Amino acid sequence: MKAAVYYRTGPPSVFQYEEVPDPVVRPRGIVFKVEAISIEGGDVLHRAGGELVGTPHIVGYQAAGTIVAVGEAVTDRFVGQKVVATMPNGSHAEYASVPSIASYVVPDDADIHAIACVPVAFGTADDCLFEFGHLIRGETVLVQAGAGGVGLAAVQLAKRAGATVLATASTDERLERLREYGMDYGINYVDKNLAGEAFRLTEGRGIDLVVDPVGGKTLEGSVAALRYRGRITWVGNAGREEALPDVRGIMQKNASITGVYLGAEFAQNPARTRPLIEGLIADVARGDLKVAIDSTFPLSEAAAAHAHIESRQAFGRVVLVP
């Protein structure tokens, strides 16, 4: 099969498009022909400096496609069925091999490109808001990087739950587009003071819950925007800053920061996460939640796709198609 691989970490140019061995099916696993690959933020970070489990390395957390082989111990999947799956690596390829339990059935007639983008981004956003963020109706939520995959999911889920939703983005154009997804107030972080705007828009109260997938200096701004006893769910380091953020201000507010990692929940609490992801997939398939796909690239152009994400110009997901 063909795959986008690399032999060392670094910029997008490390990608090479090569023939690699086909994956094998495991007794409790499936192999599926990949039809859509959602490039996750972690894929970009991993390519830039993560661990290589082998050489050549195939990066990638999530993809969707059609099952072509089923392990002898698998009874709930069949050849020809469409699935979306999560994995520690391996999505940037024409075929993927995963444990059956890591796959979710794609509903009939659903847009497989959209469903390919659901589990990690929407599952993470849901956990940031509810499982760990403890959001209740009527509260105010600030979503950092609202135009990203997790951000767009969080904006929609928070609005659906009855929250007042603020979001940040780098341009007024992006903020305007976020309104159709449920954002009430936008803050352009390039030319506005985040904390000042957050307190102004909440009539001096501050933010109840901040969803922060960026980290670094942005996390410091999240702390500054919080109300007394506010909460932050910190879910990533999209800003790729090496210096640790200064969050000492959290003490003066008796506030809290909770780290969120959906992968750990997949491993530790599958009885909770499986129905959660299945429900989110069904919501997207019905059109109750939307996936914004900024652009699609051929798998052979994985370097260009990753570069586009790193340009910070994308609104929503970037998808690879083998």
C-alpha atoms as a PDB file:
ATOM      1  CA  MET A   1       0.000   0.000   0.000  1.00  0.00           C
ATOM      2  CA  LYS A   2       0.956   3.652  -0.284  1.00  0.00           C
ATOM      3  CA  ALA A   3       1.474   5.789   2.807  1.00  0.00           C
ATOM      4  CA  ALA A   4       2.755   9.205   3.833  1.00  0.00           C
ATOM      5  CA  VAL A   5       5.791   8.319   5.948  1.00  0.00           C
ATOM      6  CA  TYR A   6       8.818   9.941   7.508  1.00  0.00           C
ATOM      7  CA  TYR A   7      12.161   8.744   8.819  1.00  0.00           C
ATOM      8  CA  ARG A   8      12.805  11.670  11.143  1.00  0.00           C
ATOM      9  CA  THR A   9      10.629  14.272  12.805  1.00  0.00           C
ATOM     10  CA  GLY A  10      10.637  17.855  11.625  1.00  0.00           C
ATOM     11  CA  PRO A  11       8.750  20.213   9.300  1.00  0.00           C
ATOM     12  CA  PRO A  12       6.091  18.983   6.857  1.00  0.00           C
ATOM     13  CA  SER A  13       8.796  18.438   4.240  1.00  0.00           C
ATOM     14  CA  VAL A  14       9.935  15.273   6.078  1.00  0.00           C
ATOM     15  CA  PHE A  15       6.975  13.423   4.536  1.00  0.00           C
ATOM     16  CA  GLN A  16       7.631  10.961   1.740  1.00  0.00           C
ATOM     17  CA  TYR A  17       4.968   9.096  -0.215  1.00  0.00           C
ATOM     18  CA  GLU A  18       6.112   5.475  -0.407  1.00  0.00           C
ATOM     19  CA  GLU A  19       5.112   1.857  -0.756  1.00  0.00           C
ATOM     20  CA  VAL A  20       4.998   0.098   2.624  1.00  0.00           C
ATOM     21  CA  PRO A  21       3.822  -3.386   3.647  1.00  0.00           C
ATOM     22  CA  ASP A  22       0.078  -3.899   3.915  1.00  0.00           C
ATOM     23  CA  PRO A  23      -1.170  -4.105   7.524  1.00  0.00           C
ATOM     24  CA  VAL A  24      -2.168  -7.506   8.872  1.00  0.00           C
ATOM     25  CA  VAL A  25      -5.433  -8.287  10.586  1.00  0.00           C
ATOM     26  CA  ARG A  26      -5.182  -9.351  14.239  1.00  0.00           C
ATOM     27  CA  PRO A  27      -7.529 -11.908  15.869  1.00  0.00           C
ATOM     28  CA  ARG A  28      -9.505  -9.177  17.641  1.00  0.00           C
ATOM     29  CA  GLY A  29      -8.985  -6.557  14.965  1.00  0.00           C
ATOM     30  CA  ILE A  30     -10.063  -5.279  11.592  1.00  0.00           C
ATOM     31  CA  VAL A  31      -8.326  -3.890   8.530  1.00  0.00           C
ATOM     32  CA  PHE A  32     -10.104  -1.176   6.603  1.00  0.00           C
ATOM     33  CA  LYS A  33      -9.472   0.617   3.330  1.00  0.00           C
ATOM     34  CA  VAL A  34      -9.035   4.251   4.274  1.00  0.00           C
ATOM     35  CA  GLU A  35     -11.332   6.738   2.523  1.00  0.00           C
ATOM     36  CA  ALA A  36     -10.851   9.843   4.682  1.00  0.00           C
ATOM     37  CA  ILE A  37      -8.184  10.883   7.188  1.00  0.00           C
ATOM     38  CA  SER A  38      -8.833  13.654   9.683  1.00  0.00           C
ATOM     39  CA  ILE A  39      -5.526  15.362  10.484  1.00  0.00           C
ATOM     40  CA  GLU A  40      -5.566  15.897  14.230  1.00  0.00           C
ATOM     41  CA  GLY A  41      -3.575  18.490  16.116  1.00  0.00           C
ATOM     42  CA  GLY A  42      -1.625  15.694  17.738  1.00  0.00           C
ATOM     43  CA  ASP A  43      -0.632  14.401  14.292  1.00  0.00           C
ATOM     44  CA  VAL A  44       1.037  17.721  13.534  1.00  0.00           C
ATOM     45  CA  LEU A  45       2.786  17.861  16.899  1.00  0.00           C
ATOM     46  CA  HIS A  46       3.923  14.241  16.603  1.00  0.00           C
ATOM     47  CA  ARG A  47       5.359  14.800  13.139  1.00  0.00           C
ATOM     48  CA  ALA A  48       7.209  17.848  14.411  1.00  0.00           C
ATOM     49  CA  GLY A  49       8.868  16.116  17.341  1.00  0.00           C
ATOM     50  CA  GLY A  50       7.169  12.958  18.596  1.00  0.00           C
ATOM     51  CA  GLU A  51       8.461   9.440  19.095  1.00  0.00           C
ATOM     52  CA  LEU A  52       8.929   7.167  16.088  1.00  0.00           C
ATOM     53  CA  VAL A  53       7.638   3.676  16.831  1.00  0.00           C
ATOM     54  CA  GLY A  54       9.373   2.412  13.696  1.00  0.00           C
ATOM     55  CA  THR A  55      10.984   3.532  10.470  1.00  0.00           C
ATOM     56  CA  PRO A  56       9.431   4.514   8.256  1.00  0.00           C
ATOM     57  CA  HIS A  57       6.839   5.944  10.637  1.00  0.00           C
ATOM     58  CA  ILE A  58       3.181   6.410   9.685  1.00  0.00           C
ATOM     59  CA  VAL A  59       1.604   9.136  11.788  1.00  0.00           C
ATOM     60  CA  GLY A  60      -2.087   9.660  12.436  1.00  0.00           C
ATOM     61  CA  TYR A  61      -4.799   9.172  15.058  1.00  0.00           C
ATOM     62  CA  GLN A  62      -8.031   8.895  13.104  1.00  0.00           C
ATOM     63  CA  ALA A  63      -9.478   7.723   9.794  1.00  0.00           C
ATOM     64  CA  ALA A  64     -12.621   6.264   8.250  1.00  0.00           C
ATOM     65  CA  GLY A  65     -13.236   3.733   5.518  1.00  0.00           C
ATOM     66  CA  THR A  66     -14.553   0.303   4.546  1.00  0.00           C
ATOM     67  CA  ILE A  67     -13.605  -2.944   6.301  1.00  0.00           C
ATOM     68  CA  VAL A  68     -11.730  -5.417   4.081  1.00  0.00           C
ATOM     69  CA  ALA A  69     -10.706  -8.014   6.695  1.00  0.00           C
ATOM     70  CA  VAL A  70     -12.010  -9.131  10.082  1.00  0.00           C
ATOM     71  CA  GLY A  71     -10.124 -11.058  12.770  1.00  0.00           C
ATOM     72  CA  GLU A  72     -11.270 -14.539  13.758  1.00  0.00           C
ATOM     73  CA  ALA A  73     -12.417 -13.388  17.223  1.00  0.00           C
ATOM     74  CA  VAL A  74     -14.478 -10.440  15.947  1.00  0.00           C
ATOM     75  CA  THR A  75     -18.251 -10.955  15.798  1.00  0.00           C
ATOM     76  CA  ASP A  76     -19.599  -7.386  15.640  1.00  0.00           C
ATOM     77  CA  ARG A  77     -17.932  -6.180  12.432  1.00  0.00           C
ATOM     78  CA  PHE A  78     -18.082  -7.478   8.862  1.00  0.00           C
ATOM     79  CA  VAL A  79     -16.368  -6.978   5.537  1.00  0.00           C
ATOM     80  CA  GLY A  80     -17.940  -4.128   3.589  1.00  0.00           C
ATOM     81  CA  GLN A  81     -19.031  -2.217   6.695  1.00  0.00           C
ATOM     82  CA  LYS A  82     -18.017   1.438   6.963  1.00  0.00           C
ATOM     83  CA  VAL A  83     -16.272   2.515  10.160  1.00  0.00           C
ATOM     84  CA  VAL A  84     -14.338   5.369  11.703  1.00  0.00           C
ATOM     85  CA  ALA A  85     -11.467   4.397  13.991  1.00  0.00           C
ATOM     86  CA  THR A  86      -8.955   5.907  16.352  1.00  0.00           C
ATOM     87  CA  MET A  87      -5.402   4.636  16.677  1.00  0.00           C
ATOM     88  CA  PRO A  88      -2.057   5.622  18.242  1.00  0.00           C
ATOM     89  CA  ASN A  89      -0.526   5.976  14.765  1.00  0.00           C
ATOM     90  CA  GLY A  90      -1.029   4.761  11.214  1.00  0.00           C
ATOM     91  CA  SER A  91      -3.892   6.803   9.757  1.00  0.00           C
ATOM     92  CA  HIS A  92      -1.865   8.430   6.942  1.00  0.00           C
ATOM     93  CA  ALA A  93      -2.072   5.349   4.717  1.00  0.00           C
ATOM     94  CA  GLU A  94      -4.290   3.517   2.241  1.00  0.00           C
ATOM     95  CA  TYR A  95      -5.146   0.801   4.790  1.00  0.00           C
ATOM     96  CA  ALA A  96      -5.231   0.690   8.576  1.00  0.00           C
ATOM     97  CA  SER A  97      -5.302  -2.150  11.109  1.00  0.00           C
ATOM     98  CA  VAL A  98      -6.953  -1.461  14.460  1.00  0.00           C
ATOM     99  CA  PRO A  99      -8.593  -3.402  17.304  1.00  0.00           C
ATOM    100  CA  SER A 100     -12.277  -3.818  16.570  1.00  0.00           C
ATOM    101  CA  ILE A 101     -13.100  -2.007  19.818  1.00  0.00           C
ATOM    102  CA  ALA A 102     -11.350   1.123  18.492  1.00  0.00           C
ATOM    103  CA  SER A 103     -13.804   1.377  15.590  1.00  0.00           C
ATOM    104  CA  TYR A 104     -17.285   2.900  15.377  1.00  0.00           C
ATOM    105  CA  VAL A 105     -19.885   2.130  12.733  1.00  0.00           C
ATOM    106  CA  VAL A 106     -20.583   4.920  10.245  1.00  0.00           C
ATOM    107  CA  PRO A 107     -24.367   5.391   9.858  1.00  0.00           C
ATOM    108  CA  ASP A 108     -25.888   4.658   6.473  1.00  0.00           C
ATOM    109  CA  ASP A 109     -25.835   7.621   4.088  1.00  0.00           C
ATOM    110  CA  ALA A 110     -23.575   9.659   6.392  1.00  0.00           C
ATOM    111  CA  ASP A 111     -20.809  11.774   4.868  1.00  0.00           C
ATOM    112  CA  ILE A 112     -17.748   9.659   5.603  1.00  0.00           C
ATOM    113  CA  HIS A 113     -15.435  12.681   5.345  1.00  0.00           C
ATOM    114  CA  ALA A 114     -17.408  14.408   8.092  1.00  0.00           C
ATOM    115  CA  ILE A 115     -17.627  11.301  10.291  1.00  0.00           C
ATOM    116  CA  ALA A 116     -13.860  10.803   9.927  1.00  0.00           C
ATOM    117  CA  CYS A 117     -13.469  14.053  11.884  1.00  0.00           C
ATOM    118  CA  VAL A 118     -15.771  13.245  14.793  1.00  0.00           C
ATOM    119  CA  PRO A 119     -14.365  10.969  17.538  1.00  0.00           C
ATOM    120  CA  VAL A 120     -11.268  12.833  18.749  1.00  0.00           C
ATOM    121  CA  ALA A 121     -12.414  16.437  18.272  1.00  0.00           C
ATOM    122  CA  PHE A 122     -16.023  16.082  19.383  1.00  0.00           C
ATOM    123  CA  GLY A 123     -15.232  13.559  22.117  1.00  0.00           C
ATOM    124  CA  THR A 124     -12.530  15.854  23.485  1.00  0.00           C
ATOM    125  CA  ALA A 125     -14.802  18.894  23.363  1.00  0.00           C
ATOM    126  CA  ASP A 126     -17.588  17.011  25.128  1.00  0.00           C
ATOM    127  CA  ASP A 127     -15.249  15.876  27.895  1.00  0.00           C
ATOM    128  CA  CYS A 128     -13.826  19.391  28.284  1.00  0.00           C
ATOM    129  CA  LEU A 129     -17.301  20.827  28.721  1.00  0.00           C
ATOM    130  CA  PHE A 130     -19.169  18.204  30.690  1.00  0.00           C
ATOM    131  CA  GLU A 131     -17.202  15.300  32.181  1.00  0.00           C
ATOM    132  CA  PHE A 132     -14.334  17.487  33.417  1.00  0.00           C
ATOM    133  CA  GLY A 133     -15.658  21.028  32.905  1.00  0.00           C
ATOM    134  CA  HIS A 134     -18.954  20.403  34.762  1.00  0.00           C
ATOM    135  CA  LEU A 135     -20.807  22.880  32.568  1.00  0.00           C
ATOM    136  CA  ILE A 136     -24.381  23.682  33.547  1.00  0.00           C
ATOM    137  CA  ARG A 137     -27.067  25.549  31.659  1.00  0.00           C
ATOM    138  CA  GLY A 138     -26.828  29.309  31.923  1.00  0.00           C
ATOM    139  CA  GLU A 139     -23.064  29.484  32.449  1.00  0.00           C
ATOM    140  CA  THR A 140     -20.617  31.365  30.254  1.00  0.00           C
ATOM    141  CA  VAL A 141     -18.021  29.423  28.251  1.00  0.00           C
ATOM    142  CA  LEU A 142     -14.940  30.795  26.528  1.00  0.00           C
ATOM    143  CA  VAL A 143     -13.560  28.566  23.766  1.00  0.00           C
ATOM    144  CA  GLN A 144      -9.965  29.364  22.847  1.00  0.00           C
ATOM    145  CA  ALA A 145      -9.061  28.764  19.171  1.00  0.00           C
ATOM    146  CA  GLY A 146     -12.720  28.524  18.249  1.00  0.00           C
ATOM    147  CA  ALA A 147     -12.005  27.875  14.548  1.00  0.00           C
ATOM    148  CA  GLY A 148     -10.052  24.681  15.265  1.00  0.00           C
ATOM    149  CA  GLY A 149     -11.494  21.173  15.335  1.00  0.00           C
ATOM    150  CA  VAL A 150     -11.989  20.973  19.101  1.00  0.00           C
ATOM    151  CA  GLY A 151     -13.027  24.628  19.198  1.00  0.00           C
ATOM    152  CA  LEU A 152     -15.801  24.294  16.628  1.00  0.00           C
ATOM    153  CA  ALA A 153     -17.125  21.207  18.392  1.00  0.00           C
ATOM    154  CA  ALA A 154     -17.013  22.930  21.796  1.00  0.00           C
ATOM    155  CA  VAL A 155     -18.840  26.013  20.506  1.00  0.00           C
ATOM    156  CA  GLN A 156     -21.707  23.875  19.206  1.00  0.00           C
ATOM    157  CA  LEU A 157     -21.936  21.586  22.220  1.00  0.00           C
ATOM    158  CA  ALA A 158     -21.799  24.451  24.706  1.00  0.00           C
ATOM    159  CA  LYS A 159     -24.518  26.377  22.878  1.00  0.00           C
ATOM    160  CA  ARG A 160     -26.693  23.271  22.670  1.00  0.00           C
ATOM    161  CA  ALA A 161     -26.327  22.874  26.441  1.00  0.00           C
ATOM    162  CA  GLY A 162     -27.694  26.358  27.076  1.00  0.00           C
ATOM    163  CA  ALA A 163     -24.443  28.245  27.694  1.00  0.00           C
ATOM    164  CA  THR A 164     -23.494  31.723  26.557  1.00  0.00           C
ATOM    165  CA  VAL A 165     -20.553  31.085  24.242  1.00  0.00           C
ATOM    166  CA  LEU A 166     -17.530  33.308  23.677  1.00  0.00           C
ATOM    167  CA  ALA A 167     -14.739  32.253  21.339  1.00  0.00           C
ATOM    168  CA  THR A 168     -11.374  33.562  20.200  1.00  0.00           C
ATOM    169  CA  ALA A 169      -9.869  33.628  16.723  1.00  0.00           C
ATOM    170  CA  SER A 170      -7.156  35.545  14.888  1.00  0.00           C
ATOM    171  CA  THR A 171      -9.403  37.401  12.423  1.00  0.00           C
ATOM    172  CA  ASP A 172     -12.817  39.042  12.444  1.00  0.00           C
ATOM    173  CA  GLU A 173     -13.731  36.961   9.388  1.00  0.00           C
ATOM    174  CA  ARG A 174     -13.223  33.722  11.330  1.00  0.00           C
ATOM    175  CA  LEU A 175     -15.214  35.067  14.244  1.00  0.00           C
ATOM    176  CA  GLU A 176     -18.090  35.998  11.955  1.00  0.00           C
ATOM    177  CA  ARG A 177     -18.144  32.469  10.541  1.00  0.00           C
ATOM    178  CA  LEU A 178     -18.285  31.056  14.080  1.00  0.00           C
ATOM    179  CA  ARG A 179     -21.655  32.693  14.641  1.00  0.00           C
ATOM    180  CA  GLU A 180     -23.385  30.083  12.471  1.00  0.00           C
ATOM    181  CA  TYR A 181     -22.057  27.400  14.841  1.00  0.00           C
ATOM    182  CA  GLY A 182     -23.494  29.031  17.960  1.00  0.00           C
ATOM    183  CA  MET A 183     -20.943  31.609  19.115  1.00  0.00           C
ATOM    184  CA  ASP A 184     -22.560  34.579  20.876  1.00  0.00           C
ATOM    185  CA  TYR A 185     -19.528  36.859  21.207  1.00  0.00           C
ATOM    186  CA  GLY A 186     -16.178  36.765  19.457  1.00  0.00           C
ATOM    187  CA  ILE A 187     -12.807  38.083  20.611  1.00  0.00           C
ATOM    188  CA  ASN A 188     -10.040  38.780  18.113  1.00  0.00           C
ATOM    189  CA  TYR A 189      -7.000  37.891  20.197  1.00  0.00           C
ATOM    190  CA  VAL A 190      -4.645  39.730  17.822  1.00  0.00           C
ATOM    191  CA  ASP A 191      -5.966  43.217  18.532  1.00  0.00           C
ATOM    192  CA  LYS A 192      -8.053  42.808  21.699  1.00  0.00           C
ATOM    193  CA  ASN A 193      -7.133  42.238  25.341  1.00  0.00           C
ATOM    194  CA  LEU A 194      -8.688  38.855  26.099  1.00  0.00           C
ATOM    195  CA  ALA A 195      -9.341  39.319  29.803  1.00  0.00           C
ATOM    196  CA  GLY A 196     -10.591  42.866  29.306  1.00  0.00           C
ATOM    197  CA  GLU A 197     -13.043  41.761  26.625  1.00  0.00           C
ATOM    198  CA  ALA A 198     -14.162  38.720  28.626  1.00  0.00           C
ATOM    199  CA  PHE A 199     -15.017  40.852  31.656  1.00  0.00           C
ATOM    200  CA  ARG A 200     -16.667  43.503  29.504  1.00  0.00           C
ATOM    201  CA  LEU A 201     -18.855  40.993  27.713  1.00  0.00           C
ATOM    202  CA  THR A 202     -19.864  39.331  31.001  1.00  0.00           C
ATOM    203  CA  GLU A 203     -20.618  42.680  32.692  1.00  0.00           C
ATOM    204  CA  GLY A 204     -17.618  42.357  35.002  1.00  0.00           C
ATOM    205  CA  ARG A 205     -18.231  38.808  36.195  1.00  0.00           C
ATOM    206  CA  GLY A 206     -15.714  36.826  34.181  1.00  0.00           C
ATOM    207  CA  ILE A 207     -15.877  33.406  32.524  1.00  0.00           C
ATOM    208  CA  ASP A 208     -17.301  30.325  34.251  1.00  0.00           C
ATOM    209  CA  LEU A 209     -15.482  27.772  32.084  1.00  0.00           C
ATOM    210  CA  VAL A 210     -12.643  28.105  29.572  1.00  0.00           C
ATOM    211  CA  VAL A 211     -11.836  25.348  27.071  1.00  0.00           C
ATOM    212  CA  ASP A 212      -8.158  25.818  26.167  1.00  0.00           C
ATOM    213  CA  PRO A 213      -6.495  23.624  23.505  1.00  0.00           C
ATOM    214  CA  VAL A 214      -3.616  26.068  23.010  1.00  0.00           C
ATOM    215  CA  GLY A 215      -1.631  26.326  26.256  1.00  0.00           C
ATOM    216  CA  GLY A 216       1.356  28.611  26.744  1.00  0.00           C
ATOM    217  CA  LYS A 217       0.644  32.339  26.904  1.00  0.00           C
ATOM    218  CA  THR A 218      -2.913  31.624  25.809  1.00  0.00           C
ATOM    219  CA  LEU A 219      -3.474  29.595  28.982  1.00  0.00           C
ATOM    220  CA  GLU A 220      -2.240  32.563  30.991  1.00  0.00           C
ATOM    221  CA  GLY A 221      -4.926  34.631  29.270  1.00  0.00           C
ATOM    222  CA  SER A 222      -7.506  31.973  30.104  1.00  0.00           C
ATOM    223  CA  VAL A 223      -6.624  32.298  33.783  1.00  0.00           C
ATOM    224  CA  ALA A 224      -6.926  36.085  33.600  1.00  0.00           C
ATOM    225  CA  ALA A 225     -10.396  35.832  32.006  1.00  0.00           C
ATOM    226  CA  LEU A 226     -11.840  33.557  34.708  1.00  0.00           C
ATOM    227  CA  ARG A 227     -14.352  34.591  37.301  1.00  0.00           C
ATOM    228  CA  TYR A 228     -13.769  33.802  40.966  1.00  0.00           C
ATOM    229  CA  ARG A 229     -13.862  29.987  41.349  1.00  0.00           C
ATOM    230  CA  GLY A 230     -13.932  29.574  37.578  1.00  0.00           C
ATOM    231  CA  ARG A 231     -12.705  26.455  35.751  1.00  0.00           C
ATOM    232  CA  ILE A 232     -10.351  25.724  32.876  1.00  0.00           C
ATOM    233  CA  THR A 233     -10.107  22.493  30.937  1.00  0.00           C
ATOM    234  CA  TRP A 234      -6.677  22.387  29.318  1.00  0.00           C
ATOM    235  CA  VAL A 235      -6.528  19.984  26.434  1.00  0.00           C
ATOM    236  CA  GLY A 236      -3.415  20.612  24.382  1.00  0.00           C
ATOM    237  CA  ASN A 237      -0.403  22.610  23.365  1.00  0.00           C
ATOM    238  CA  ALA A 238      -1.423  23.796  19.926  1.00  0.00           C
ATOM    239  CA  GLY A 239       0.658  26.927  20.441  1.00  0.00           C
ATOM    240  CA  ARG A 240       3.779  24.727  20.542  1.00  0.00           C
ATOM    241  CA  GLU A 241       5.441  26.958  23.130  1.00  0.00           C
ATOM    242  CA  GLU A 242       8.302  25.326  25.001  1.00  0.00           C
ATOM    243  CA  ALA A 243       8.147  27.580  28.070  1.00  0.00           C
ATOM    244  CA  LEU A 244       5.675  26.534  30.736  1.00  0.00           C
ATOM    245  CA  PRO A 245       2.814  28.986  31.269  1.00  0.00           C
ATOM    246  CA  ASP A 246       2.665  31.012  34.473  1.00  0.00           C
ATOM    247  CA  VAL A 247      -0.680  30.076  36.032  1.00  0.00           C
ATOM    248  CA  ARG A 248      -0.093  31.331  39.560  1.00  0.00           C
ATOM    249  CA  GLY A 249      -3.074  33.638  39.121  1.00  0.00           C
ATOM    250  CA  ILE A 250      -5.300  30.587  39.549  1.00  0.00           C
ATOM    251  CA  MET A 251      -4.657  30.722  43.302  1.00  0.00           C
ATOM    252  CA  GLN A 252      -5.958  34.243  43.814  1.00  0.00           C
ATOM    253  CA  LYS A 253      -9.258  33.216  42.232  1.00  0.00           C
ATOM    254  CA  ASN A 254      -9.561  29.846  43.991  1.00  0.00           C
ATOM    255  CA  ALA A 255     -10.047  28.588  40.463  1.00  0.00           C
ATOM    256  CA  SER A 256      -9.073  25.269  38.889  1.00  0.00           C
ATOM    257  CA  ILE A 257      -7.315  23.851  35.836  1.00  0.00           C
ATOM    258  CA  THR A 258      -8.081  20.283  34.803  1.00  0.00           C
ATOM    259  CA  GLY A 259      -6.015  18.502  32.182  1.00  0.00           C
ATOM    260  CA  VAL A 260      -8.030  16.513  29.640  1.00  0.00           C
ATOM    261  CA  TYR A 261      -6.759  13.634  27.497  1.00  0.00           C
ATOM    262  CA  LEU A 262      -9.426  11.651  25.684  1.00  0.00           C
ATOM    263  CA  GLY A 263      -7.029   8.803  24.908  1.00  0.00           C
ATOM    264  CA  ALA A 264      -6.721   7.994  28.606  1.00  0.00           C
ATOM    265  CA  GLU A 265     -10.492   7.906  28.925  1.00  0.00           C
ATOM    266  CA  PHE A 266     -10.717   5.545  25.948  1.00  0.00           C
ATOM    267  CA  ALA A 267      -8.378   3.192  27.792  1.00  0.00           C
ATOM    268  CA  GLN A 268      -9.688   3.612  31.325  1.00  0.00           C
ATOM    269  CA  ASN A 269     -13.434   4.153  30.841  1.00  0.00           C
ATOM    270  CA  PRO A 270     -14.583   2.561  27.582  1.00  0.00           C
ATOM    271  CA  ALA A 271     -18.019   1.890  29.042  1.00  0.00           C
ATOM    272  CA  ARG A 272     -18.493   5.667  29.210  1.00  0.00           C
ATOM    273  CA  THR A 273     -16.646   6.821  26.116  1.00  0.00           C
ATOM    274  CA  ARG A 274     -18.067   4.324  23.613  1.00  0.00           C
ATOM    275  CA  PRO A 275     -21.689   5.451  23.891  1.00  0.00           C
ATOM    276  CA  LEU A 276     -20.475   9.058  24.050  1.00  0.00           C
ATOM    277  CA  ILE A 277     -18.685   8.796  20.696  1.00  0.00           C
ATOM    278  CA  GLU A 278     -21.497   6.775  19.134  1.00  0.00           C
ATOM    279  CA  GLY A 279     -23.954   9.485  20.157  1.00  0.00           C
ATOM    280  CA  LEU A 280     -21.787  12.262  18.711  1.00  0.00           C
ATOM    281  CA  ILE A 281     -21.407  10.365  15.435  1.00  0.00           C
ATOM    282  CA  ALA A 282     -25.182   9.981  15.257  1.00  0.00           C
ATOM    283  CA  ASP A 283     -25.632  13.709  15.939  1.00  0.00           C
ATOM    284  CA  VAL A 284     -23.323  14.624  13.059  1.00  0.00           C
ATOM    285  CA  ALA A 285     -24.941  12.076  10.743  1.00  0.00           C
ATOM    286  CA  ARG A 286     -28.369  13.612  11.474  1.00  0.00           C
ATOM    287  CA  GLY A 287     -27.087  17.143  11.016  1.00  0.00           C
ATOM    288  CA  ASP A 288     -27.663  18.135  14.651  1.00  0.00           C
ATOM    289  CA  LEU A 289     -23.941  18.930  14.892  1.00  0.00           C
ATOM    290  CA  LYS A 290     -21.765  20.153  12.037  1.00  0.00           C
ATOM    291  CA  VAL A 291     -18.244  19.315  10.922  1.00  0.00           C
ATOM    292  CA  ALA A 292     -16.515  22.177   9.141  1.00  0.00           C
ATOM    293  CA  ILE A 293     -14.070  20.816   6.568  1.00  0.00           C
ATOM    294  CA  ASP A 294     -11.719  23.556   5.451  1.00  0.00           C
ATOM    295  CA  SER A 295     -10.033  21.599   2.653  1.00  0.00           C
ATOM    296  CA  THR A 296      -9.106  18.166   1.377  1.00  0.00           C
ATOM    297  CA  PHE A 297      -5.750  17.034   0.041  1.00  0.00           C
ATOM    298  CA  PRO A 298      -4.624  13.806  -1.638  1.00  0.00           C
ATOM    299  CA  LEU A 299      -2.673  11.563   0.721  1.00  0.00           C
ATOM    300  CA  SER A 300       0.320  12.068  -1.565  1.00  0.00           C
ATOM    301  CA  GLU A 301       0.228  15.753  -0.554  1.00  0.00           C
ATOM    302  CA  ALA A 302       0.344  15.177   3.201  1.00  0.00           C
ATOM    303  CA  ALA A 303       3.208  17.665   3.492  1.00  0.00           C
ATOM    304  CA  ALA A 304       1.095  20.424   1.939  1.00  0.00           C
ATOM    305  CA  ALA A 305      -1.860  19.537   4.169  1.00  0.00           C
ATOM    306  CA  HIS A 306       0.241  19.706   7.337  1.00  0.00           C
ATOM    307  CA  ALA A 307       1.789  22.981   6.164  1.00  0.00           C
ATOM    308  CA  HIS A 308      -1.684  24.408   5.613  1.00  0.00           C
ATOM    309  CA  ILE A 309      -2.649  23.540   9.188  1.00  0.00           C
ATOM    310  CA  GLU A 310       0.547  25.096  10.518  1.00  0.00           C
ATOM    311  CA  SER A 311      -0.190  28.290   8.584  1.00  0.00           C
ATOM    312  CA  ARG A 312      -3.144  28.759  10.972  1.00  0.00           C
ATOM    313  CA  GLN A 313      -5.367  29.671   8.033  1.00  0.00           C
ATOM    314  CA  ALA A 314      -7.677  26.654   8.198  1.00  0.00           C
ATOM    315  CA  PHE A 315     -11.227  26.992   9.488  1.00  0.00           C
ATOM    316  CA  GLY A 316     -12.163  23.556  10.817  1.00  0.00           C
ATOM    317  CA  ARG A 317     -10.681  20.249   9.707  1.00  0.00           C
ATOM    318  CA  VAL A 318      -8.177  19.391   7.004  1.00  0.00           C
ATOM    319  CA  VAL A 319      -8.805  15.962   5.457  1.00  0.00           C
ATOM    320  CA  LEU A 320      -6.529  13.649   3.502  1.00  0.00           C
ATOM    321  CA  VAL A 321      -7.986  11.334   0.861  1.00  0.00           C
ATOM    322  CA  PRO A 322      -5.971   8.300  -0.359  1.00  0.00           C
END
